[in-house]
């Protein structure tokens, strides 16, 4: 873990090209492991956009493998265990300002 994170946080500071090659190699052996390995992009997002205090708290733990990223989404109309985050029931705004159901691939705008 911490493949692309800076050395100052305990990472390997590898370029994204090398990281992408490593993901491809791991995916040939085990797609589920590749998914865990590939979620390091969440640490990259923290590194790019978070305040220094948050970086100092979380990025060393990502690099040591104590933390990993996760993305837990359901399919439309599947519901959710945690109702406040029921993405399947989300609505989006269309370019004309109307509202449309979240299913389908023609969504545009922000979740309302």
PDB file of N, CA and C in Angstrom:
ATOM      1  N   UNK A   1       0.849  -1.182   0.000  1.00  0.00           N
ATOM      2  CA  UNK A   1       0.000   0.000   0.000  1.00  0.00           C
ATOM      3  C   UNK A   1       0.891   1.241   0.000  1.00  0.00           C
ATOM      4  N   UNK A   2       0.324   2.338  -0.367  1.00  0.00           N
ATOM      5  CA  UNK A   2       1.107   3.565  -0.437  1.00  0.00           C
ATOM      6  C   UNK A   2       2.012   3.625  -1.654  1.00  0.00           C
ATOM      7  N   UNK A   3       1.669   2.906  -2.681  1.00  0.00           N
ATOM      8  CA  UNK A   3       2.487   2.779  -3.884  1.00  0.00           C
ATOM      9  C   UNK A   3       2.862   4.134  -4.473  1.00  0.00           C
ATOM     10  N   UNK A   4       1.895   5.015  -4.589  1.00  0.00           N
ATOM     11  CA  UNK A   4       2.149   6.314  -5.219  1.00  0.00           C
ATOM     12  C   UNK A   4       2.259   7.464  -4.229  1.00  0.00           C
ATOM     13  N   UNK A   5       2.077   7.189  -2.946  1.00  0.00           N
ATOM     14  CA  UNK A   5       2.166   8.260  -1.949  1.00  0.00           C
ATOM     15  C   UNK A   5       3.606   8.732  -1.793  1.00  0.00           C
ATOM     16  N   UNK A   6       3.800   9.999  -1.437  1.00  0.00           N
ATOM     17  CA  UNK A   6       5.151  10.525  -1.236  1.00  0.00           C
ATOM     18  C   UNK A   6       5.878   9.805  -0.098  1.00  0.00           C
ATOM     19  N   UNK A   7       7.184   9.775  -0.195  1.00  0.00           N
ATOM     20  CA  UNK A   7       8.000   9.126   0.841  1.00  0.00           C
ATOM     21  C   UNK A   7       7.814   9.775   2.206  1.00  0.00           C
ATOM     22  N   UNK A   8       7.493  11.058   2.222  1.00  0.00           N
ATOM     23  CA  UNK A   8       7.307  11.756   3.501  1.00  0.00           C
ATOM     24  C   UNK A   8       6.156  11.171   4.319  1.00  0.00           C
ATOM     25  N   UNK A   9       5.246  10.445   3.658  1.00  0.00           N
ATOM     26  CA  UNK A   9       4.143   9.783   4.353  1.00  0.00           C
ATOM     27  C   UNK A   9       4.364   8.278   4.449  1.00  0.00           C
ATOM     28  N   UNK A  10       5.523   7.809   4.060  1.00  0.00           N
ATOM     29  CA  UNK A  10       5.824   6.376   4.116  1.00  0.00           C
ATOM     30  C   UNK A  10       5.521   5.627   2.834  1.00  0.00           C
ATOM     31  N   UNK A  11       5.170   6.356   1.778  1.00  0.00           N
ATOM     32  CA  UNK A  11       4.858   5.734   0.499  1.00  0.00           C
ATOM     33  C   UNK A  11       6.108   5.423  -0.309  1.00  0.00           C
ATOM     34  N   UNK A  12       5.904   4.808  -1.471  1.00  0.00           N
ATOM     35  CA  UNK A  12       7.005   4.440  -2.358  1.00  0.00           C
ATOM     36  C   UNK A  12       7.294   5.491  -3.416  1.00  0.00           C
ATOM     37  N   UNK A  13       6.410   6.482  -3.558  1.00  0.00           N
ATOM     38  CA  UNK A  13       6.581   7.579  -4.504  1.00  0.00           C
ATOM     39  C   UNK A  13       6.745   7.098  -5.951  1.00  0.00           C
ATOM     40  N   UNK A  14       6.069   6.009  -6.309  1.00  0.00           N
ATOM     41  CA  UNK A  14       6.136   5.485  -7.674  1.00  0.00           C
ATOM     42  C   UNK A  14       5.217   6.282  -8.587  1.00  0.00           C
ATOM     43  N   UNK A  15       5.593   6.412  -9.854  1.00  0.00           N
ATOM     44  CA  UNK A  15       4.716   7.099 -10.806  1.00  0.00           C
ATOM     45  C   UNK A  15       3.444   6.298 -11.070  1.00  0.00           C
ATOM     46  N   UNK A  16       2.410   6.988 -11.513  1.00  0.00           N
ATOM     47  CA  UNK A  16       1.136   6.329 -11.791  1.00  0.00           C
ATOM     48  C   UNK A  16       1.262   5.266 -12.879  1.00  0.00           C
ATOM     49  N   UNK A  17       2.167   5.439 -13.832  1.00  0.00           N
ATOM     50  CA  UNK A  17       2.359   4.431 -14.870  1.00  0.00           C
ATOM     51  C   UNK A  17       2.786   3.098 -14.261  1.00  0.00           C
ATOM     52  N   UNK A  18       3.737   3.129 -13.345  1.00  0.00           N
ATOM     53  CA  UNK A  18       4.209   1.902 -12.690  1.00  0.00           C
ATOM     54  C   UNK A  18       3.089   1.308 -11.834  1.00  0.00           C
ATOM     55  N   UNK A  19       2.349   2.161 -11.144  1.00  0.00           N
ATOM     56  CA  UNK A  19       1.221   1.706 -10.333  1.00  0.00           C
ATOM     57  C   UNK A  19       0.172   1.016 -11.201  1.00  0.00           C
ATOM     58  N   UNK A  20      -0.144   1.600 -12.345  1.00  0.00           N
ATOM     59  CA  UNK A  20      -1.121   1.001 -13.258  1.00  0.00           C
ATOM     60  C   UNK A  20      -0.633  -0.346 -13.767  1.00  0.00           C
ATOM     61  N   UNK A  21       0.639  -0.463 -14.064  1.00  0.00           N
ATOM     62  CA  UNK A  21       1.204  -1.750 -14.497  1.00  0.00           C
ATOM     63  C   UNK A  21       1.078  -2.784 -13.379  1.00  0.00           C
ATOM     64  N   UNK A  22       1.333  -2.382 -12.146  1.00  0.00           N
ATOM     65  CA  UNK A  22       1.217  -3.298 -11.005  1.00  0.00           C
ATOM     66  C   UNK A  22      -0.228  -3.760 -10.826  1.00  0.00           C
ATOM     67  N   UNK A  23      -1.189  -2.850 -10.997  1.00  0.00           N
ATOM     68  CA  UNK A  23      -2.601  -3.224 -10.897  1.00  0.00           C
ATOM     69  C   UNK A  23      -2.942  -4.271 -11.956  1.00  0.00           C
ATOM     70  N   UNK A  24      -2.451  -4.084 -13.172  1.00  0.00           N
ATOM     71  CA  UNK A  24      -2.721  -5.044 -14.251  1.00  0.00           C
ATOM     72  C   UNK A  24      -2.146  -6.419 -13.927  1.00  0.00           C
ATOM     73  N   UNK A  25      -0.965  -6.454 -13.374  1.00  0.00           N
ATOM     74  CA  UNK A  25      -0.334  -7.730 -13.016  1.00  0.00           C
ATOM     75  C   UNK A  25      -1.126  -8.418 -11.910  1.00  0.00           C
ATOM     76  N   UNK A  26      -1.500  -7.666 -10.877  1.00  0.00           N
ATOM     77  CA  UNK A  26      -2.274  -8.236  -9.773  1.00  0.00           C
ATOM     78  C   UNK A  26      -3.635  -8.713 -10.263  1.00  0.00           C
ATOM     79  N   UNK A  27      -4.265  -7.974 -11.169  1.00  0.00           N
ATOM     80  CA  UNK A  27      -5.600  -8.344 -11.645  1.00  0.00           C
ATOM     81  C   UNK A  27      -5.597  -9.653 -12.418  1.00  0.00           C
ATOM     82  N   UNK A  28      -4.502  -9.998 -13.027  1.00  0.00           N
ATOM     83  CA  UNK A  28      -4.419 -11.280 -13.748  1.00  0.00           C
ATOM     84  C   UNK A  28      -4.472 -12.455 -12.783  1.00  0.00           C
ATOM     85  N   UNK A  29      -3.991 -12.236 -11.574  1.00  0.00           N
ATOM     86  CA  UNK A  29      -3.998 -13.316 -10.582  1.00  0.00           C
ATOM     87  C   UNK A  29      -5.298 -13.355  -9.790  1.00  0.00           C
ATOM     88  N   UNK A  30      -5.805 -12.192  -9.393  1.00  0.00           N
ATOM     89  CA  UNK A  30      -6.993 -12.157  -8.534  1.00  0.00           C
ATOM     90  C   UNK A  30      -7.671 -10.798  -8.660  1.00  0.00           C
ATOM     91  N   UNK A  31      -8.843 -10.787  -9.281  1.00  0.00           N
ATOM     92  CA  UNK A  31      -9.551  -9.525  -9.512  1.00  0.00           C
ATOM     93  C   UNK A  31     -10.000  -8.872  -8.210  1.00  0.00           C
ATOM     94  N   UNK A  32     -10.389  -9.662  -7.208  1.00  0.00           N
ATOM     95  CA  UNK A  32     -10.835  -9.059  -5.949  1.00  0.00           C
ATOM     96  C   UNK A  32      -9.674  -8.397  -5.215  1.00  0.00           C
ATOM     97  N   UNK A  33      -8.503  -9.003  -5.241  1.00  0.00           N
ATOM     98  CA  UNK A  33      -7.329  -8.393  -4.632  1.00  0.00           C
ATOM     99  C   UNK A  33      -6.955  -7.122  -5.388  1.00  0.00           C
ATOM    100  N   UNK A  34      -7.085  -7.152  -6.690  1.00  0.00           N
ATOM    101  CA  UNK A  34      -6.794  -5.967  -7.490  1.00  0.00           C
ATOM    102  C   UNK A  34      -7.712  -4.819  -7.094  1.00  0.00           C
ATOM    103  N   UNK A  35      -8.955  -5.121  -6.772  1.00  0.00           N
ATOM    104  CA  UNK A  35      -9.893  -4.081  -6.364  1.00  0.00           C
ATOM    105  C   UNK A  35      -9.429  -3.406  -5.077  1.00  0.00           C
ATOM    106  N   UNK A  36      -8.981  -4.187  -4.110  1.00  0.00           N
ATOM    107  CA  UNK A  36      -8.466  -3.619  -2.855  1.00  0.00           C
ATOM    108  C   UNK A  36      -7.192  -2.821  -3.128  1.00  0.00           C
ATOM    109  N   UNK A  37      -6.311  -3.404  -3.904  1.00  0.00           N
ATOM    110  CA  UNK A  37      -5.043  -2.762  -4.257  1.00  0.00           C
ATOM    111  C   UNK A  37      -5.300  -1.478  -5.048  1.00  0.00           C
ATOM    112  N   UNK A  38      -6.307  -1.511  -5.918  1.00  0.00           N
ATOM    113  CA  UNK A  38      -6.601  -0.374  -6.763  1.00  0.00           C
ATOM    114  C   UNK A  38      -7.290   0.777  -6.060  1.00  0.00           C
ATOM    115  N   UNK A  39      -7.842   0.557  -4.888  1.00  0.00           N
ATOM    116  CA  UNK A  39      -8.528   1.629  -4.170  1.00  0.00           C
ATOM    117  C   UNK A  39      -7.569   2.580  -3.458  1.00  0.00           C
ATOM    118  N   UNK A  40      -6.287   2.460  -3.746  1.00  0.00           N
ATOM    119  CA  UNK A  40      -5.339   3.418  -3.196  1.00  0.00           C
ATOM    120  C   UNK A  40      -5.555   4.806  -3.779  1.00  0.00           C
ATOM    121  N   UNK A  41      -6.324   4.883  -4.839  1.00  0.00           N
ATOM    122  CA  UNK A  41      -6.631   6.177  -5.428  1.00  0.00           C
ATOM    123  C   UNK A  41      -7.334   7.098  -4.448  1.00  0.00           C
ATOM    124  N   UNK A  42      -7.983   6.525  -3.447  1.00  0.00           N
ATOM    125  CA  UNK A  42      -8.625   7.339  -2.424  1.00  0.00           C
ATOM    126  C   UNK A  42      -7.555   8.070  -1.607  1.00  0.00           C
ATOM    127  N   UNK A  43      -6.451   7.397  -1.324  1.00  0.00           N
ATOM    128  CA  UNK A  43      -5.335   8.059  -0.646  1.00  0.00           C
ATOM    129  C   UNK A  43      -4.745   9.152  -1.536  1.00  0.00           C
ATOM    130  N   UNK A  44      -4.723   8.910  -2.846  1.00  0.00           N
ATOM    131  CA  UNK A  44      -4.257   9.934  -3.780  1.00  0.00           C
ATOM    132  C   UNK A  44      -5.147  11.169  -3.741  1.00  0.00           C
ATOM    133  N   UNK A  45      -6.452  10.959  -3.600  1.00  0.00           N
ATOM    134  CA  UNK A  45      -7.389  12.080  -3.519  1.00  0.00           C
ATOM    135  C   UNK A  45      -7.144  12.874  -2.239  1.00  0.00           C
ATOM    136  N   UNK A  46      -6.918  12.173  -1.142  1.00  0.00           N
ATOM    137  CA  UNK A  46      -6.590  12.851   0.116  1.00  0.00           C
ATOM    138  C   UNK A  46      -5.301  13.643  -0.054  1.00  0.00           C
ATOM    139  N   UNK A  47      -4.303  13.030  -0.677  1.00  0.00           N
ATOM    140  CA  UNK A  47      -3.025  13.698  -0.885  1.00  0.00           C
ATOM    141  C   UNK A  47      -3.171  14.948  -1.747  1.00  0.00           C
ATOM    142  N   UNK A  48      -4.043  14.912  -2.726  1.00  0.00           N
ATOM    143  CA  UNK A  48      -4.200  16.041  -3.643  1.00  0.00           C
ATOM    144  C   UNK A  48      -5.034  17.179  -3.068  1.00  0.00           C
ATOM    145  N   UNK A  49      -6.042  16.862  -2.243  1.00  0.00           N
ATOM    146  CA  UNK A  49      -7.011  17.887  -1.890  1.00  0.00           C
ATOM    147  C   UNK A  49      -7.197  18.157  -0.395  1.00  0.00           C
ATOM    148  N   UNK A  50      -6.701  17.321   0.483  1.00  0.00           N
ATOM    149  CA  UNK A  50      -6.968  17.491   1.913  1.00  0.00           C
ATOM    150  C   UNK A  50      -6.038  18.517   2.558  1.00  0.00           C
ATOM    151  N   UNK A  51      -6.461  19.001   3.703  1.00  0.00           N
ATOM    152  CA  UNK A  51      -5.621  19.895   4.505  1.00  0.00           C
ATOM    153  C   UNK A  51      -4.421  19.112   5.029  1.00  0.00           C
ATOM    154  N   UNK A  52      -3.306  19.788   5.313  1.00  0.00           N
ATOM    155  CA  UNK A  52      -2.115  19.102   5.817  1.00  0.00           C
ATOM    156  C   UNK A  52      -2.358  18.272   7.081  1.00  0.00           C
ATOM    157  N   UNK A  53      -3.219  18.735   7.974  1.00  0.00           N
ATOM    158  CA  UNK A  53      -3.492  17.973   9.203  1.00  0.00           C
ATOM    159  C   UNK A  53      -4.147  16.632   8.879  1.00  0.00           C
ATOM    160  N   UNK A  54      -5.063  16.627   7.924  1.00  0.00           N
ATOM    161  CA  UNK A  54      -5.720  15.370   7.534  1.00  0.00           C
ATOM    162  C   UNK A  54      -4.725  14.460   6.835  1.00  0.00           C
ATOM    163  N   UNK A  55      -3.883  15.019   5.971  1.00  0.00           N
ATOM    164  CA  UNK A  55      -2.848  14.220   5.304  1.00  0.00           C
ATOM    165  C   UNK A  55      -1.940  13.556   6.330  1.00  0.00           C
ATOM    166  N   UNK A  56      -1.493  14.334   7.315  1.00  0.00           N
ATOM    167  CA  UNK A  56      -0.590  13.803   8.340  1.00  0.00           C
ATOM    168  C   UNK A  56      -1.244  12.699   9.159  1.00  0.00           C
ATOM    169  N   UNK A  57      -2.551  12.784   9.332  1.00  0.00           N
ATOM    170  CA  UNK A  57      -3.245  11.783  10.135  1.00  0.00           C
ATOM    171  C   UNK A  57      -3.498  10.491   9.365  1.00  0.00           C
ATOM    172  N   UNK A  58      -3.920  10.607   8.106  1.00  0.00           N
ATOM    173  CA  UNK A  58      -4.386   9.424   7.378  1.00  0.00           C
ATOM    174  C   UNK A  58      -3.375   8.807   6.415  1.00  0.00           C
ATOM    175  N   UNK A  59      -2.584   9.604   5.723  1.00  0.00           N
ATOM    176  CA  UNK A  59      -1.721   9.048   4.687  1.00  0.00           C
ATOM    177  C   UNK A  59      -0.656   8.082   5.200  1.00  0.00           C
ATOM    178  N   UNK A  60      -0.015   8.333   6.353  1.00  0.00           N
ATOM    179  CA  UNK A  60       0.918   7.317   6.853  1.00  0.00           C
ATOM    180  C   UNK A  60       0.221   5.990   7.159  1.00  0.00           C
ATOM    181  N   UNK A  61      -1.018   6.052   7.608  1.00  0.00           N
ATOM    182  CA  UNK A  61      -1.767   4.827   7.902  1.00  0.00           C
ATOM    183  C   UNK A  61      -2.146   4.089   6.621  1.00  0.00           C
ATOM    184  N   UNK A  62      -2.454   4.834   5.542  1.00  0.00           N
ATOM    185  CA  UNK A  62      -2.679   4.208   4.239  1.00  0.00           C
ATOM    186  C   UNK A  62      -1.399   3.518   3.773  1.00  0.00           C
ATOM    187  N   UNK A  63      -0.270   4.203   3.896  1.00  0.00           N
ATOM    188  CA  UNK A  63       1.002   3.657   3.425  1.00  0.00           C
ATOM    189  C   UNK A  63       1.403   2.393   4.186  1.00  0.00           C
ATOM    190  N   UNK A  64       1.092   2.327   5.475  1.00  0.00           N
ATOM    191  CA  UNK A  64       1.413   1.137   6.275  1.00  0.00           C
ATOM    192  C   UNK A  64       0.408   0.009   6.074  1.00  0.00           C
ATOM    193  N   UNK A  65      -0.705   0.291   5.422  1.00  0.00           N
ATOM    194  CA  UNK A  65      -1.730  -0.730   5.206  1.00  0.00           C
ATOM    195  C   UNK A  65      -2.724  -0.839   6.342  1.00  0.00           C
ATOM    196  N   UNK A  66      -2.701   0.099   7.278  1.00  0.00           N
ATOM    197  CA  UNK A  66      -3.668   0.092   8.377  1.00  0.00           C
ATOM    198  C   UNK A  66      -5.053   0.508   7.889  1.00  0.00           C
ATOM    199  N   UNK A  67      -5.093   1.373   6.889  1.00  0.00           N
ATOM    200  CA  UNK A  67      -6.344   1.837   6.299  1.00  0.00           C
ATOM    201  C   UNK A  67      -6.368   1.472   4.828  1.00  0.00           C
ATOM    202  N   UNK A  68      -7.552   1.335   4.296  1.00  0.00           N
ATOM    203  CA  UNK A  68      -7.718   1.187   2.859  1.00  0.00           C
ATOM    204  C   UNK A  68      -8.952   1.961   2.447  1.00  0.00           C
ATOM    205  N   UNK A  69      -9.051   2.265   1.191  1.00  0.00           N
ATOM    206  CA  UNK A  69     -10.204   2.986   0.692  1.00  0.00           C
ATOM    207  C   UNK A  69     -11.349   2.036   0.422  1.00  0.00           C
ATOM    208  N   UNK A  70     -12.540   2.576   0.353  1.00  0.00           N
ATOM    209  CA  UNK A  70     -13.712   1.763   0.042  1.00  0.00           C
ATOM    210  C   UNK A  70     -14.727   2.618  -0.694  1.00  0.00           C
ATOM    211  N   UNK A  71     -15.481   1.965  -1.542  1.00  0.00           N
ATOM    212  CA  UNK A  71     -16.570   2.610  -2.239  1.00  0.00           C
ATOM    213  C   UNK A  71     -17.727   1.623  -2.204  1.00  0.00           C
ATOM    214  N   UNK A  72     -18.785   1.962  -1.494  1.00  0.00           N
ATOM    215  CA  UNK A  72     -19.903   1.040  -1.311  1.00  0.00           C
ATOM    216  C   UNK A  72     -21.158   1.640  -1.937  1.00  0.00           C
ATOM    217  N   UNK A  73     -21.444   1.238  -3.155  1.00  0.00           N
ATOM    218  CA  UNK A  73     -22.612   1.725  -3.871  1.00  0.00           C
ATOM    219  C   UNK A  73     -23.517   0.552  -4.219  1.00  0.00           C
ATOM    220  N   UNK A  74     -24.789   0.822  -4.393  1.00  0.00           N
ATOM    221  CA  UNK A  74     -25.727  -0.213  -4.805  1.00  0.00           C
ATOM    222  C   UNK A  74     -26.255   0.128  -6.190  1.00  0.00           C
ATOM    223  N   UNK A  75     -26.912  -0.826  -6.787  1.00  0.00           N
ATOM    224  CA  UNK A  75     -27.542  -0.571  -8.076  1.00  0.00           C
ATOM    225  C   UNK A  75     -28.822   0.229  -7.856  1.00  0.00           C
ATOM    226  N   UNK A  76     -29.269   0.954  -8.889  1.00  0.00           N
ATOM    227  CA  UNK A  76     -30.524   1.707  -8.735  1.00  0.00           C
ATOM    228  C   UNK A  76     -31.667   0.789  -8.319  1.00  0.00           C
ATOM    229  N   UNK A  77     -32.527   1.289  -7.466  1.00  0.00           N
ATOM    230  CA  UNK A  77     -33.701   0.583  -6.955  1.00  0.00           C
ATOM    231  C   UNK A  77     -33.359  -0.579  -6.034  1.00  0.00           C
ATOM    232  N   UNK A  78     -32.103  -0.706  -5.600  1.00  0.00           N
ATOM    233  CA  UNK A  78     -31.722  -1.797  -4.708  1.00  0.00           C
ATOM    234  C   UNK A  78     -31.934  -1.424  -3.247  1.00  0.00           C
ATOM    235  N   UNK A  79     -32.085  -0.139  -2.946  1.00  0.00           N
ATOM    236  CA  UNK A  79     -32.216   0.284  -1.560  1.00  0.00           C
ATOM    237  C   UNK A  79     -30.858   0.328  -0.896  1.00  0.00           C
ATOM    238  N   UNK A  80     -30.851   0.578   0.388  1.00  0.00           N
ATOM    239  CA  UNK A  80     -29.596   0.645   1.124  1.00  0.00           C
ATOM    240  C   UNK A  80     -29.848   0.281   2.573  1.00  0.00           C
ATOM    241  N   UNK A  81     -28.822  -0.239   3.211  1.00  0.00           N
ATOM    242  CA  UNK A  81     -28.904  -0.557   4.637  1.00  0.00           C
ATOM    243  C   UNK A  81     -28.936   0.744   5.435  1.00  0.00           C
ATOM    244  N   UNK A  82     -28.135   1.699   5.041  1.00  0.00           N
ATOM    245  CA  UNK A  82     -28.043   2.989   5.720  1.00  0.00           C
ATOM    246  C   UNK A  82     -28.898   3.984   4.942  1.00  0.00           C
ATOM    247  N   UNK A  83     -30.122   4.199   5.353  1.00  0.00           N
ATOM    248  CA  UNK A  83     -31.083   4.991   4.588  1.00  0.00           C
ATOM    249  C   UNK A  83     -30.637   6.416   4.256  1.00  0.00           C
ATOM    250  N   UNK A  84     -29.906   7.139   5.110  1.00  0.00           N
ATOM    251  CA  UNK A  84     -29.512   8.488   4.702  1.00  0.00           C
ATOM    252  C   UNK A  84     -28.635   8.491   3.447  1.00  0.00           C
ATOM    253  N   UNK A  85     -27.983   7.375   3.141  1.00  0.00           N
ATOM    254  CA  UNK A  85     -27.092   7.315   1.983  1.00  0.00           C
ATOM    255  C   UNK A  85     -27.642   6.365   0.932  1.00  0.00           C
ATOM    256  N   UNK A  86     -28.923   6.386   0.718  1.00  0.00           N
ATOM    257  CA  UNK A  86     -29.565   5.503  -0.253  1.00  0.00           C
ATOM    258  C   UNK A  86     -29.389   6.076  -1.654  1.00  0.00           C
ATOM    259  N   UNK A  87     -28.254   5.763  -2.293  1.00  0.00           N
ATOM    260  CA  UNK A  87     -27.940   6.317  -3.604  1.00  0.00           C
ATOM    261  C   UNK A  87     -28.926   5.861  -4.676  1.00  0.00           C
ATOM    262  N   UNK A  88     -29.525   4.699  -4.486  1.00  0.00           N
ATOM    263  CA  UNK A  88     -30.491   4.207  -5.452  1.00  0.00           C
ATOM    264  C   UNK A  88     -31.736   5.065  -5.546  1.00  0.00           C
ATOM    265  N   UNK A  89     -32.032   5.814  -4.486  1.00  0.00           N
ATOM    266  CA  UNK A  89     -33.208   6.667  -4.488  1.00  0.00           C
ATOM    267  C   UNK A  89     -32.862   8.122  -4.817  1.00  0.00           C
ATOM    268  N   UNK A  90     -31.615   8.390  -5.150  1.00  0.00           N
ATOM    269  CA  UNK A  90     -31.193   9.749  -5.456  1.00  0.00           C
ATOM    270  C   UNK A  90     -31.841  10.271  -6.721  1.00  0.00           C
ATOM    271  N   UNK A  91     -31.942  11.562  -6.817  1.00  0.00           N
ATOM    272  CA  UNK A  91     -32.475  12.204  -8.008  1.00  0.00           C
ATOM    273  C   UNK A  91     -31.394  13.139  -8.537  1.00  0.00           C
ATOM    274  N   UNK A  92     -31.409  13.374  -9.795  1.00  0.00           N
ATOM    275  CA  UNK A  92     -30.449  14.299 -10.389  1.00  0.00           C
ATOM    276  C   UNK A  92     -31.191  15.394 -11.127  1.00  0.00           C
ATOM    277  N   UNK A  93     -30.524  16.511 -11.309  1.00  0.00           N
ATOM    278  CA  UNK A  93     -31.112  17.608 -12.065  1.00  0.00           C
ATOM    279  C   UNK A  93     -30.702  17.480 -13.525  1.00  0.00           C
ATOM    280  N   UNK A  94     -31.629  17.708 -14.402  1.00  0.00           N
ATOM    281  CA  UNK A  94     -31.321  17.709 -15.826  1.00  0.00           C
ATOM    282  C   UNK A  94     -30.876  19.099 -16.237  1.00  0.00           C
ATOM    283  N   UNK A  95     -30.376  19.217 -17.449  1.00  0.00           N
ATOM    284  CA  UNK A  95     -29.917  20.512 -17.939  1.00  0.00           C
ATOM    285  C   UNK A  95     -31.057  21.533 -17.956  1.00  0.00           C
ATOM    286  N   UNK A  96     -32.299  21.055 -18.153  1.00  0.00           N
ATOM    287  CA  UNK A  96     -33.444  21.962 -18.192  1.00  0.00           C
ATOM    288  C   UNK A  96     -33.961  22.310 -16.799  1.00  0.00           C
ATOM    289  N   UNK A  97     -33.354  21.736 -15.748  1.00  0.00           N
ATOM    290  CA  UNK A  97     -33.755  22.036 -14.383  1.00  0.00           C
ATOM    291  C   UNK A  97     -34.774  21.081 -13.819  1.00  0.00           C
ATOM    292  N   UNK A  98     -35.237  20.117 -14.605  1.00  0.00           N
ATOM    293  CA  UNK A  98     -36.186  19.125 -14.116  1.00  0.00           C
ATOM    294  C   UNK A  98     -35.497  18.079 -13.268  1.00  0.00           C
ATOM    295  N   UNK A  99     -36.243  17.087 -12.835  1.00  0.00           N
ATOM    296  CA  UNK A  99     -35.691  16.027 -12.006  1.00  0.00           C
ATOM    297  C   UNK A  99     -35.945  14.697 -12.680  1.00  0.00           C
ATOM    298  N   UNK A 100     -34.999  13.789 -12.576  1.00  0.00           N
ATOM    299  CA  UNK A 100     -35.142  12.477 -13.188  1.00  0.00           C
ATOM    300  C   UNK A 100     -34.645  11.410 -12.226  1.00  0.00           C
ATOM    301  N   UNK A 101     -35.143  10.193 -12.352  1.00  0.00           N
ATOM    302  CA  UNK A 101     -34.698   9.094 -11.486  1.00  0.00           C
ATOM    303  C   UNK A 101     -33.225   8.810 -11.744  1.00  0.00           C
ATOM    304  N   UNK A 102     -32.569   8.188 -10.772  1.00  0.00           N
ATOM    305  CA  UNK A 102     -31.132   7.981 -10.883  1.00  0.00           C
ATOM    306  C   UNK A 102     -30.755   6.829 -11.796  1.00  0.00           C
ATOM    307  N   UNK A 103     -31.689   5.967 -12.165  1.00  0.00           N
ATOM    308  CA  UNK A 103     -31.327   4.849 -13.026  1.00  0.00           C
ATOM    309  C   UNK A 103     -31.138   5.330 -14.455  1.00  0.00           C
ATOM    310  N   UNK A 104     -30.357   4.590 -15.200  1.00  0.00           N
ATOM    311  CA  UNK A 104     -30.073   4.969 -16.571  1.00  0.00           C
ATOM    312  C   UNK A 104     -28.725   5.646 -16.685  1.00  0.00           C
ATOM    313  N   UNK A 105     -28.252   5.779 -17.891  1.00  0.00           N
ATOM    314  CA  UNK A 105     -26.914   6.324 -18.079  1.00  0.00           C
ATOM    315  C   UNK A 105     -26.914   7.770 -18.564  1.00  0.00           C
ATOM    316  N   UNK A 106     -28.059   8.418 -18.588  1.00  0.00           N
ATOM    317  CA  UNK A 106     -28.127   9.771 -19.122  1.00  0.00           C
ATOM    318  C   UNK A 106     -28.178  10.836 -18.029  1.00  0.00           C
ATOM    319  N   UNK A 107     -27.648  10.546 -16.860  1.00  0.00           N
ATOM    320  CA  UNK A 107     -27.703  11.494 -15.749  1.00  0.00           C
ATOM    321  C   UNK A 107     -26.736  12.636 -15.954  1.00  0.00           C
ATOM    322  N   UNK A 108     -27.179  13.808 -15.603  1.00  0.00           N
ATOM    323  CA  UNK A 108     -26.314  14.984 -15.614  1.00  0.00           C
ATOM    324  C   UNK A 108     -26.643  15.822 -14.393  1.00  0.00           C
ATOM    325  N   UNK A 109     -25.725  16.623 -13.957  1.00  0.00           N
ATOM    326  CA  UNK A 109     -25.991  17.542 -12.859  1.00  0.00           C
ATOM    327  C   UNK A 109     -25.654  16.966 -11.502  1.00  0.00           C
ATOM    328  N   UNK A 110     -26.063  17.653 -10.478  1.00  0.00           N
ATOM    329  CA  UNK A 110     -25.751  17.290  -9.108  1.00  0.00           C
ATOM    330  C   UNK A 110     -26.861  16.476  -8.493  1.00  0.00           C
ATOM    331  N   UNK A 111     -26.502  15.650  -7.533  1.00  0.00           N
ATOM    332  CA  UNK A 111     -27.502  14.875  -6.804  1.00  0.00           C
ATOM    333  C   UNK A 111     -28.283  15.821  -5.929  1.00  0.00           C
ATOM    334  N   UNK A 112     -29.602  15.674  -5.921  1.00  0.00           N
ATOM    335  CA  UNK A 112     -30.450  16.562  -5.120  1.00  0.00           C
ATOM    336  C   UNK A 112     -30.912  15.857  -3.871  1.00  0.00           C
TER     337      UNK A 112
END
